Amino acid sequence: MASIKANVAAIASANGLKGAIYGLIIMLFILFEPYGIYGRWLKIKLFFQLFPLYKRATFKRQKIYVKSERNR
């Protein structure tokens, strides 16, 4: 138990680790939420507008086609 606490303390005190974790969180947020915080706000707002009729598929990503692919 003491070794686990020592390992956690060593990781927590590592220089630059907090910044790296913060950067990783931001990168993941941008990857999975392209519109950022505004996109999250739109999803929450839409959820409450459609509350009784909410469907999970409402928030799935749609396929986006280039104009040239649409005309094929």
C-alpha atoms as a PDB file:
ATOM      1  CA  MET A   1       0.000   0.000   0.000  1.00  0.00           C
ATOM      2  CA  ALA A   2       2.829   2.365   0.841  1.00  0.00           C
ATOM      3  CA  SER A   3       4.516   1.721  -2.518  1.00  0.00           C
ATOM      4  CA  ILE A   4       1.306   2.647  -4.356  1.00  0.00           C
ATOM      5  CA  LYS A   5       1.093   5.937  -2.447  1.00  0.00           C
ATOM      6  CA  ALA A   6       4.760   6.608  -3.218  1.00  0.00           C
ATOM      7  CA  ASN A   7       4.206   5.934  -6.934  1.00  0.00           C
ATOM      8  CA  VAL A   8       1.169   8.221  -7.041  1.00  0.00           C
ATOM      9  CA  ALA A   9       3.105  10.962  -5.238  1.00  0.00           C
ATOM     10  CA  ALA A  10       6.020  10.592  -7.667  1.00  0.00           C
ATOM     11  CA  ILE A  11       3.735  10.824 -10.697  1.00  0.00           C
ATOM     12  CA  ALA A  12       1.880  13.821  -9.243  1.00  0.00           C
ATOM     13  CA  SER A  13       5.101  15.717  -8.604  1.00  0.00           C
ATOM     14  CA  ALA A  14       6.615  15.044 -12.065  1.00  0.00           C
ATOM     15  CA  ASN A  15       7.504  18.255 -13.865  1.00  0.00           C
ATOM     16  CA  GLY A  16       5.347  19.021 -16.880  1.00  0.00           C
ATOM     17  CA  LEU A  17       2.958  16.129 -16.326  1.00  0.00           C
ATOM     18  CA  LYS A  18       0.004  18.359 -15.468  1.00  0.00           C
ATOM     19  CA  GLY A  19       0.527  20.346 -18.664  1.00  0.00           C
ATOM     20  CA  ALA A  20       0.790  17.174 -20.740  1.00  0.00           C
ATOM     21  CA  ILE A  21      -2.408  15.760 -19.277  1.00  0.00           C
ATOM     22  CA  TYR A  22      -4.181  19.087 -19.814  1.00  0.00           C
ATOM     23  CA  GLY A  23      -2.992  19.158 -23.438  1.00  0.00           C
ATOM     24  CA  LEU A  24      -4.121  15.567 -23.988  1.00  0.00           C
ATOM     25  CA  ILE A  25      -7.580  16.380 -22.641  1.00  0.00           C
ATOM     26  CA  ILE A  26      -7.855  19.381 -24.972  1.00  0.00           C
ATOM     27  CA  MET A  27      -6.714  17.317 -27.970  1.00  0.00           C
ATOM     28  CA  LEU A  28      -9.242  14.576 -27.227  1.00  0.00           C
ATOM     29  CA  PHE A  29     -11.993  17.165 -26.769  1.00  0.00           C
ATOM     30  CA  ILE A  30     -11.190  18.711 -30.146  1.00  0.00           C
ATOM     31  CA  LEU A  31     -11.065  15.307 -31.864  1.00  0.00           C
ATOM     32  CA  PHE A  32     -14.361  14.080 -30.512  1.00  0.00           C
ATOM     33  CA  GLU A  33     -16.173  17.430 -30.358  1.00  0.00           C
ATOM     34  CA  PRO A  34     -15.186  19.443 -33.465  1.00  0.00           C
ATOM     35  CA  TYR A  35     -17.410  22.416 -32.565  1.00  0.00           C
ATOM     36  CA  GLY A  36     -15.845  22.626 -29.097  1.00  0.00           C
ATOM     37  CA  ILE A  37     -17.776  23.908 -26.119  1.00  0.00           C
ATOM     38  CA  TYR A  38     -20.320  25.547 -28.430  1.00  0.00           C
ATOM     39  CA  GLY A  39     -21.092  22.151 -29.983  1.00  0.00           C
ATOM     40  CA  ARG A  40     -21.566  20.639 -26.529  1.00  0.00           C
ATOM     41  CA  TRP A  41     -23.915  23.526 -25.653  1.00  0.00           C
ATOM     42  CA  LEU A  42     -25.949  22.899 -28.827  1.00  0.00           C
ATOM     43  CA  LYS A  43     -26.312  19.205 -27.955  1.00  0.00           C
ATOM     44  CA  ILE A  44     -27.470  19.990 -24.415  1.00  0.00           C
ATOM     45  CA  LYS A  45     -29.902  22.632 -25.669  1.00  0.00           C
ATOM     46  CA  LEU A  46     -31.320  20.258 -28.296  1.00  0.00           C
ATOM     47  CA  PHE A  47     -31.665  17.532 -25.677  1.00  0.00           C
ATOM     48  CA  PHE A  48     -33.844  19.748 -23.499  1.00  0.00           C
ATOM     49  CA  GLN A  49     -35.888  20.990 -26.455  1.00  0.00           C
ATOM     50  CA  LEU A  50     -36.671  17.424 -27.559  1.00  0.00           C
ATOM     51  CA  PHE A  51     -36.698  15.922 -24.069  1.00  0.00           C
ATOM     52  CA  PRO A  52     -39.729  13.625 -24.181  1.00  0.00           C
ATOM     53  CA  LEU A  53     -38.946  12.600 -27.763  1.00  0.00           C
ATOM     54  CA  TYR A  54     -35.176  12.315 -27.327  1.00  0.00           C
ATOM     55  CA  LYS A  55     -33.530   9.600 -29.432  1.00  0.00           C
ATOM     56  CA  ARG A  56     -29.957   8.490 -28.944  1.00  0.00           C
ATOM     57  CA  ALA A  57     -29.335   8.479 -32.710  1.00  0.00           C
ATOM     58  CA  THR A  58     -29.955  12.240 -32.822  1.00  0.00           C
ATOM     59  CA  PHE A  59     -26.348  12.958 -31.892  1.00  0.00           C
ATOM     60  CA  LYS A  60     -24.610  10.407 -34.131  1.00  0.00           C
ATOM     61  CA  ARG A  61     -22.176  11.777 -36.651  1.00  0.00           C
ATOM     62  CA  GLN A  62     -23.512  11.987 -40.176  1.00  0.00           C
ATOM     63  CA  LYS A  63     -21.539  11.074 -43.278  1.00  0.00           C
ATOM     64  CA  ILE A  64     -20.430  14.187 -45.088  1.00  0.00           C
ATOM     65  CA  TYR A  65     -19.966  13.912 -48.817  1.00  0.00           C
ATOM     66  CA  VAL A  66     -18.021  16.161 -51.136  1.00  0.00           C
ATOM     67  CA  LYS A  67     -20.150  17.719 -53.895  1.00  0.00           C
ATOM     68  CA  SER A  68     -18.444  15.598 -56.544  1.00  0.00           C
ATOM     69  CA  GLU A  69     -19.346  12.406 -54.644  1.00  0.00           C
ATOM     70  CA  ARG A  70     -23.012  13.419 -54.359  1.00  0.00           C
ATOM     71  CA  ASN A  71     -23.428  13.669 -58.120  1.00  0.00           C
ATOM     72  CA  ARG A  72     -22.197  10.127 -58.808  1.00  0.00           C
END
